[in-house]
Amino acid sequence: MERFRIVVLSLAGLGFLGFGLAIVAAPEAVLGAVGISGTTAGMIELRSFYGGLELGLGAFLLACAAKPAWRLPGLWSVALINGGIGAARLLGIGLTGEFTGFFIGALVWEIGFTLAAIVALRGSKA
């Protein structure tokens, strides 16, 4: 089970790092797929908040994978963060009826990592 925990944390961390780097590099290209565009100041905000948050979270999850004492808190983070994002996305879809191809991949990621983290937490004392 410990190896599975490390894999979940590492893959989640790398995914957040990759998405964060992509948003920092070109937020309009990444988020334009769902109709997000804006002013120069808006792009700075997307780079800093979306990109920076994803980078920090990815680095944290990789640190959790490397430090045995941090693995369970890291897995709780994966479950709660992805679960929260996925639940909010589903709520937004339900409220508006809007659905794009981007949402399919995002929901697979969010629900998949929520479930993987929950499985990885099974049998833990945390």
N, C-alpha and C. Protein backbone atom coordinates (compact mmCIF):
# COMPACT_ATOMS: atom_id res chain seq x y z
N MET A 1 0.83 -1.20 0.00
CA MET A 1 0.00 0.00 0.00
C MET A 1 0.87 1.26 0.00
N GLU A 2 2.03 1.17 0.65
CA GLU A 2 2.89 2.36 0.71
C GLU A 2 3.35 2.78 -0.69
N ARG A 3 3.65 1.82 -1.53
CA ARG A 3 4.07 2.14 -2.89
C ARG A 3 2.93 2.84 -3.65
N PHE A 4 1.70 2.36 -3.45
CA PHE A 4 0.53 2.97 -4.09
C PHE A 4 0.37 4.41 -3.61
N ARG A 5 0.56 4.65 -2.34
CA ARG A 5 0.46 6.01 -1.79
C ARG A 5 1.47 6.94 -2.45
N ILE A 6 2.69 6.45 -2.59
CA ILE A 6 3.74 7.25 -3.23
C ILE A 6 3.38 7.55 -4.68
N VAL A 7 2.85 6.56 -5.38
CA VAL A 7 2.46 6.76 -6.78
C VAL A 7 1.35 7.79 -6.89
N VAL A 8 0.33 7.69 -6.06
CA VAL A 8 -0.79 8.65 -6.10
C VAL A 8 -0.26 10.06 -5.84
N LEU A 9 0.53 10.21 -4.80
CA LEU A 9 1.07 11.54 -4.48
C LEU A 9 1.98 12.07 -5.59
N SER A 10 2.82 11.22 -6.13
CA SER A 10 3.75 11.64 -7.18
C SER A 10 3.02 12.04 -8.45
N LEU A 11 2.06 11.23 -8.88
CA LEU A 11 1.32 11.55 -10.11
C LEU A 11 0.47 12.81 -9.93
N ALA A 12 -0.18 12.93 -8.78
CA ALA A 12 -0.96 14.15 -8.52
C ALA A 12 -0.03 15.37 -8.49
N GLY A 13 1.11 15.24 -7.82
CA GLY A 13 2.07 16.34 -7.76
C GLY A 13 2.58 16.75 -9.12
N LEU A 14 2.95 15.76 -9.92
CA LEU A 14 3.45 16.06 -11.27
C LEU A 14 2.36 16.68 -12.14
N GLY A 15 1.14 16.21 -11.98
CA GLY A 15 0.02 16.78 -12.75
C GLY A 15 -0.22 18.24 -12.40
N PHE A 16 -0.23 18.54 -11.10
CA PHE A 16 -0.42 19.93 -10.69
C PHE A 16 0.75 20.79 -11.14
N LEU A 17 1.97 20.27 -11.05
CA LEU A 17 3.13 21.03 -11.53
C LEU A 17 3.02 21.32 -13.03
N GLY A 18 2.67 20.31 -13.80
CA GLY A 18 2.56 20.48 -15.25
C GLY A 18 1.49 21.49 -15.63
N PHE A 19 0.33 21.38 -14.99
CA PHE A 19 -0.76 22.32 -15.29
C PHE A 19 -0.37 23.72 -14.85
N GLY A 20 0.28 23.82 -13.68
CA GLY A 20 0.73 25.13 -13.20
C GLY A 20 1.73 25.77 -14.14
N LEU A 21 2.70 24.99 -14.61
CA LEU A 21 3.69 25.52 -15.55
C LEU A 21 3.03 25.99 -16.85
N ALA A 22 2.07 25.20 -17.33
CA ALA A 22 1.37 25.57 -18.57
C ALA A 22 0.61 26.87 -18.39
N ILE A 23 -0.02 27.05 -17.25
CA ILE A 23 -0.78 28.28 -17.02
C ILE A 23 0.15 29.48 -16.83
N VAL A 24 1.25 29.28 -16.14
CA VAL A 24 2.21 30.38 -15.98
C VAL A 24 2.77 30.79 -17.35
N ALA A 25 3.06 29.80 -18.19
CA ALA A 25 3.65 30.08 -19.51
C ALA A 25 2.64 30.71 -20.47
N ALA A 26 1.42 30.21 -20.50
CA ALA A 26 0.45 30.68 -21.50
C ALA A 26 -0.98 30.47 -21.00
N PRO A 27 -1.44 31.32 -20.06
CA PRO A 27 -2.78 31.11 -19.50
C PRO A 27 -3.89 31.18 -20.54
N GLU A 28 -3.72 32.07 -21.51
CA GLU A 28 -4.77 32.22 -22.52
C GLU A 28 -4.88 30.98 -23.40
N ALA A 29 -3.79 30.30 -23.66
CA ALA A 29 -3.83 29.08 -24.47
C ALA A 29 -4.46 27.93 -23.70
N VAL A 30 -4.12 27.81 -22.42
CA VAL A 30 -4.65 26.71 -21.61
C VAL A 30 -6.12 26.94 -21.27
N LEU A 31 -6.44 28.12 -20.79
CA LEU A 31 -7.78 28.39 -20.30
C LEU A 31 -8.72 28.92 -21.37
N GLY A 32 -8.17 29.29 -22.52
CA GLY A 32 -9.01 29.71 -23.64
C GLY A 32 -9.91 28.59 -24.12
N ALA A 33 -9.51 27.35 -23.88
CA ALA A 33 -10.32 26.20 -24.29
C ALA A 33 -11.68 26.18 -23.61
N VAL A 34 -11.79 26.84 -22.47
CA VAL A 34 -13.08 26.92 -21.79
C VAL A 34 -13.63 28.34 -21.80
N GLY A 35 -13.10 29.17 -22.70
CA GLY A 35 -13.63 30.50 -22.88
C GLY A 35 -13.11 31.56 -21.93
N ILE A 36 -12.02 31.26 -21.23
CA ILE A 36 -11.46 32.25 -20.31
C ILE A 36 -10.43 33.08 -21.06
N SER A 37 -10.68 34.38 -21.09
CA SER A 37 -9.73 35.32 -21.67
C SER A 37 -9.85 36.60 -20.86
N GLY A 38 -8.97 37.52 -21.08
CA GLY A 38 -9.07 38.74 -20.29
C GLY A 38 -8.03 39.77 -20.63
N THR A 39 -7.96 40.72 -19.77
CA THR A 39 -7.03 41.84 -19.90
C THR A 39 -5.63 41.39 -19.51
N THR A 40 -4.67 42.25 -19.72
CA THR A 40 -3.31 41.95 -19.29
C THR A 40 -3.26 41.71 -17.79
N ALA A 41 -3.94 42.55 -17.02
CA ALA A 41 -3.99 42.37 -15.57
C ALA A 41 -4.67 41.04 -15.22
N GLY A 42 -5.71 40.68 -15.96
CA GLY A 42 -6.39 39.42 -15.73
C GLY A 42 -5.48 38.22 -15.99
N MET A 43 -4.64 38.32 -17.02
CA MET A 43 -3.71 37.24 -17.32
C MET A 43 -2.64 37.12 -16.22
N ILE A 44 -2.23 38.26 -15.67
CA ILE A 44 -1.29 38.22 -14.54
C ILE A 44 -1.94 37.51 -13.36
N GLU A 45 -3.19 37.82 -13.11
CA GLU A 45 -3.91 37.17 -12.00
C GLU A 45 -4.05 35.67 -12.24
N LEU A 46 -4.38 35.26 -13.46
CA LEU A 46 -4.48 33.84 -13.77
C LEU A 46 -3.13 33.15 -13.60
N ARG A 47 -2.07 33.79 -14.10
CA ARG A 47 -0.73 33.21 -13.93
C ARG A 47 -0.39 33.04 -12.45
N SER A 48 -0.64 34.09 -11.67
CA SER A 48 -0.21 34.06 -10.27
C SER A 48 -1.08 33.15 -9.43
N PHE A 49 -2.39 33.29 -9.53
CA PHE A 49 -3.24 32.49 -8.65
C PHE A 49 -3.42 31.07 -9.16
N TYR A 50 -3.89 30.92 -10.37
CA TYR A 50 -4.06 29.57 -10.92
C TYR A 50 -2.72 28.87 -11.05
N GLY A 51 -1.80 29.50 -11.75
CA GLY A 51 -0.49 28.86 -12.00
C GLY A 51 0.32 28.70 -10.74
N GLY A 52 0.42 29.75 -9.96
CA GLY A 52 1.22 29.70 -8.73
C GLY A 52 0.66 28.71 -7.73
N LEU A 53 -0.65 28.68 -7.57
CA LEU A 53 -1.27 27.74 -6.64
C LEU A 53 -1.01 26.30 -7.09
N GLU A 54 -1.15 26.04 -8.37
CA GLU A 54 -0.90 24.69 -8.90
C GLU A 54 0.56 24.30 -8.70
N LEU A 55 1.49 25.22 -8.94
CA LEU A 55 2.91 24.93 -8.74
C LEU A 55 3.21 24.61 -7.27
N GLY A 56 2.70 25.43 -6.37
CA GLY A 56 2.92 25.20 -4.95
C GLY A 56 2.31 23.89 -4.48
N LEU A 57 1.11 23.59 -4.94
CA LEU A 57 0.45 22.34 -4.56
C LEU A 57 1.22 21.14 -5.11
N GLY A 58 1.65 21.23 -6.35
CA GLY A 58 2.42 20.13 -6.94
C GLY A 58 3.71 19.88 -6.18
N ALA A 59 4.42 20.94 -5.81
CA ALA A 59 5.66 20.79 -5.04
C ALA A 59 5.37 20.18 -3.68
N PHE A 60 4.30 20.62 -3.03
CA PHE A 60 3.93 20.06 -1.73
C PHE A 60 3.64 18.57 -1.83
N LEU A 61 2.88 18.16 -2.83
CA LEU A 61 2.53 16.74 -2.97
C LEU A 61 3.77 15.89 -3.26
N LEU A 62 4.70 16.41 -4.04
CA LEU A 62 5.95 15.67 -4.28
C LEU A 62 6.76 15.56 -2.99
N ALA A 63 6.76 16.62 -2.19
CA ALA A 63 7.44 16.55 -0.89
C ALA A 63 6.77 15.51 0.01
N CYS A 64 5.46 15.45 -0.04
CA CYS A 64 4.72 14.45 0.75
C CYS A 64 5.07 13.04 0.31
N ALA A 65 5.25 12.83 -0.98
CA ALA A 65 5.62 11.51 -1.49
C ALA A 65 6.99 11.11 -0.97
N ALA A 66 7.88 12.09 -0.81
CA ALA A 66 9.26 11.81 -0.40
C ALA A 66 9.42 11.64 1.11
N LYS A 67 8.49 12.17 1.88
CA LYS A 67 8.61 12.13 3.35
C LYS A 67 7.53 11.24 3.93
N PRO A 68 7.89 10.07 4.44
CA PRO A 68 6.88 9.14 4.95
C PRO A 68 5.88 9.75 5.93
N ALA A 69 6.33 10.63 6.81
CA ALA A 69 5.43 11.23 7.80
C ALA A 69 4.41 12.19 7.17
N TRP A 70 4.68 12.63 5.95
CA TRP A 70 3.78 13.58 5.28
C TRP A 70 2.80 12.88 4.35
N ARG A 71 2.95 11.59 4.13
CA ARG A 71 2.14 10.91 3.11
C ARG A 71 0.64 10.95 3.40
N LEU A 72 0.25 10.66 4.62
CA LEU A 72 -1.18 10.67 4.91
C LEU A 72 -1.78 12.07 4.81
N PRO A 73 -1.15 13.11 5.37
CA PRO A 73 -1.69 14.45 5.15
C PRO A 73 -1.73 14.84 3.66
N GLY A 74 -0.73 14.41 2.91
CA GLY A 74 -0.73 14.67 1.47
C GLY A 74 -1.88 13.99 0.77
N LEU A 75 -2.17 12.75 1.15
CA LEU A 75 -3.29 12.03 0.53
C LEU A 75 -4.63 12.67 0.90
N TRP A 76 -4.76 13.13 2.14
CA TRP A 76 -5.97 13.87 2.51
C TRP A 76 -6.09 15.12 1.64
N SER A 77 -4.98 15.79 1.39
CA SER A 77 -5.00 16.97 0.52
C SER A 77 -5.46 16.62 -0.88
N VAL A 78 -4.91 15.54 -1.44
CA VAL A 78 -5.31 15.11 -2.78
C VAL A 78 -6.81 14.83 -2.81
N ALA A 79 -7.30 14.09 -1.83
CA ALA A 79 -8.73 13.73 -1.81
C ALA A 79 -9.61 14.96 -1.66
N LEU A 80 -9.29 15.82 -0.71
CA LEU A 80 -10.16 16.96 -0.44
C LEU A 80 -10.08 18.04 -1.51
N ILE A 81 -8.89 18.30 -2.02
CA ILE A 81 -8.74 19.34 -3.05
C ILE A 81 -9.40 18.90 -4.35
N ASN A 82 -9.07 17.69 -4.81
CA ASN A 82 -9.68 17.21 -6.05
C ASN A 82 -11.18 16.99 -5.89
N GLY A 83 -11.58 16.47 -4.73
CA GLY A 83 -13.01 16.29 -4.47
C GLY A 83 -13.76 17.61 -4.47
N GLY A 84 -13.17 18.62 -3.85
CA GLY A 84 -13.80 19.93 -3.84
C GLY A 84 -13.90 20.56 -5.22
N ILE A 85 -12.83 20.45 -5.99
CA ILE A 85 -12.85 21.00 -7.35
C ILE A 85 -13.88 20.26 -8.21
N GLY A 86 -13.87 18.93 -8.13
CA GLY A 86 -14.82 18.14 -8.92
C GLY A 86 -16.26 18.41 -8.53
N ALA A 87 -16.53 18.50 -7.23
CA ALA A 87 -17.89 18.79 -6.77
C ALA A 87 -18.36 20.16 -7.24
N ALA A 88 -17.48 21.16 -7.15
CA ALA A 88 -17.83 22.50 -7.60
C ALA A 88 -18.04 22.53 -9.11
N ARG A 89 -17.23 21.76 -9.86
CA ARG A 89 -17.40 21.70 -11.32
C ARG A 89 -18.75 21.08 -11.66
N LEU A 90 -19.09 19.97 -10.98
CA LEU A 90 -20.37 19.31 -11.23
C LEU A 90 -21.54 20.22 -10.85
N LEU A 91 -21.40 20.96 -9.77
CA LEU A 91 -22.44 21.93 -9.38
C LEU A 91 -22.61 22.98 -10.46
N GLY A 92 -21.48 23.52 -10.95
CA GLY A 92 -21.54 24.53 -12.00
C GLY A 92 -22.19 24.00 -13.27
N ILE A 93 -21.85 22.78 -13.64
CA ILE A 93 -22.47 22.16 -14.82
C ILE A 93 -23.97 22.00 -14.59
N GLY A 94 -24.33 21.53 -13.40
CA GLY A 94 -25.74 21.35 -13.08
C GLY A 94 -26.52 22.65 -13.07
N LEU A 95 -25.92 23.70 -12.55
CA LEU A 95 -26.61 24.99 -12.48
C LEU A 95 -26.76 25.66 -13.83
N THR A 96 -25.80 25.46 -14.72
CA THR A 96 -25.81 26.17 -16.00
C THR A 96 -26.18 25.31 -17.19
N GLY A 97 -25.97 24.01 -17.07
CA GLY A 97 -26.18 23.14 -18.21
C GLY A 97 -25.04 23.16 -19.22
N GLU A 98 -24.01 23.95 -18.94
CA GLU A 98 -22.85 24.07 -19.83
C GLU A 98 -21.93 22.87 -19.65
N PHE A 99 -21.51 22.29 -20.75
CA PHE A 99 -20.59 21.16 -20.67
C PHE A 99 -19.69 21.19 -21.89
N THR A 100 -18.37 21.09 -21.65
CA THR A 100 -17.40 21.11 -22.74
C THR A 100 -16.54 19.86 -22.67
N GLY A 101 -15.81 19.60 -23.72
CA GLY A 101 -14.88 18.49 -23.75
C GLY A 101 -13.80 18.63 -22.70
N PHE A 102 -13.40 19.85 -22.39
CA PHE A 102 -12.41 20.09 -21.35
C PHE A 102 -12.88 19.53 -20.01
N PHE A 103 -14.17 19.67 -19.75
CA PHE A 103 -14.72 19.20 -18.48
C PHE A 103 -14.60 17.69 -18.32
N ILE A 104 -14.67 16.96 -19.42
CA ILE A 104 -14.55 15.49 -19.34
C ILE A 104 -13.19 15.11 -18.75
N GLY A 105 -12.13 15.64 -19.34
CA GLY A 105 -10.79 15.34 -18.84
C GLY A 105 -10.59 15.83 -17.42
N ALA A 106 -11.11 17.01 -17.13
CA ALA A 106 -10.96 17.56 -15.78
C ALA A 106 -11.67 16.69 -14.76
N LEU A 107 -12.89 16.27 -15.06
CA LEU A 107 -13.64 15.43 -14.12
C LEU A 107 -13.01 14.04 -13.95
N VAL A 108 -12.47 13.50 -15.02
CA VAL A 108 -11.77 12.21 -14.90
C VAL A 108 -10.61 12.36 -13.93
N TRP A 109 -9.84 13.44 -14.09
CA TRP A 109 -8.71 13.72 -13.19
C TRP A 109 -9.21 13.88 -11.76
N GLU A 110 -10.18 14.77 -11.57
CA GLU A 110 -10.63 15.13 -10.23
C GLU A 110 -11.27 13.95 -9.49
N ILE A 111 -12.18 13.28 -10.14
CA ILE A 111 -12.84 12.14 -9.50
C ILE A 111 -11.86 10.98 -9.35
N GLY A 112 -11.04 10.76 -10.37
CA GLY A 112 -10.06 9.67 -10.33
C GLY A 112 -9.08 9.82 -9.18
N PHE A 113 -8.53 11.03 -9.01
CA PHE A 113 -7.56 11.23 -7.93
C PHE A 113 -8.24 11.26 -6.56
N THR A 114 -9.48 11.72 -6.50
CA THR A 114 -10.21 11.66 -5.23
C THR A 114 -10.35 10.21 -4.80
N LEU A 115 -10.79 9.37 -5.72
CA LEU A 115 -10.98 7.94 -5.41
C LEU A 115 -9.65 7.24 -5.11
N ALA A 116 -8.62 7.55 -5.89
CA ALA A 116 -7.31 6.93 -5.66
C ALA A 116 -6.78 7.30 -4.29
N ALA A 117 -6.93 8.56 -3.88
CA ALA A 117 -6.45 8.99 -2.56
C ALA A 117 -7.24 8.31 -1.45
N ILE A 118 -8.55 8.15 -1.65
CA ILE A 118 -9.38 7.49 -0.64
C ILE A 118 -8.94 6.02 -0.50
N VAL A 119 -8.70 5.36 -1.61
CA VAL A 119 -8.21 3.97 -1.57
C VAL A 119 -6.86 3.92 -0.85
N ALA A 120 -5.97 4.87 -1.17
CA ALA A 120 -4.64 4.89 -0.55
C ALA A 120 -4.72 5.16 0.95
N LEU A 121 -5.76 5.84 1.39
CA LEU A 121 -5.92 6.14 2.82
C LEU A 121 -6.52 4.96 3.61
N ARG A 122 -7.11 4.02 2.90
CA ARG A 122 -7.73 2.89 3.59
C ARG A 122 -6.69 2.15 4.43
N GLY A 123 -7.09 1.81 5.61
CA GLY A 123 -6.19 1.07 6.50
C GLY A 123 -5.24 1.97 7.26
N SER A 124 -5.28 3.28 7.01
CA SER A 124 -4.40 4.18 7.75
C SER A 124 -5.05 4.54 9.08
N LYS A 125 -4.27 5.05 9.96
CA LYS A 125 -4.78 5.48 11.27
C LYS A 125 -5.03 6.98 11.31
N ALA A 126 -4.99 7.62 10.12
CA ALA A 126 -5.20 9.08 10.08
C ALA A 126 -6.58 9.41 9.62
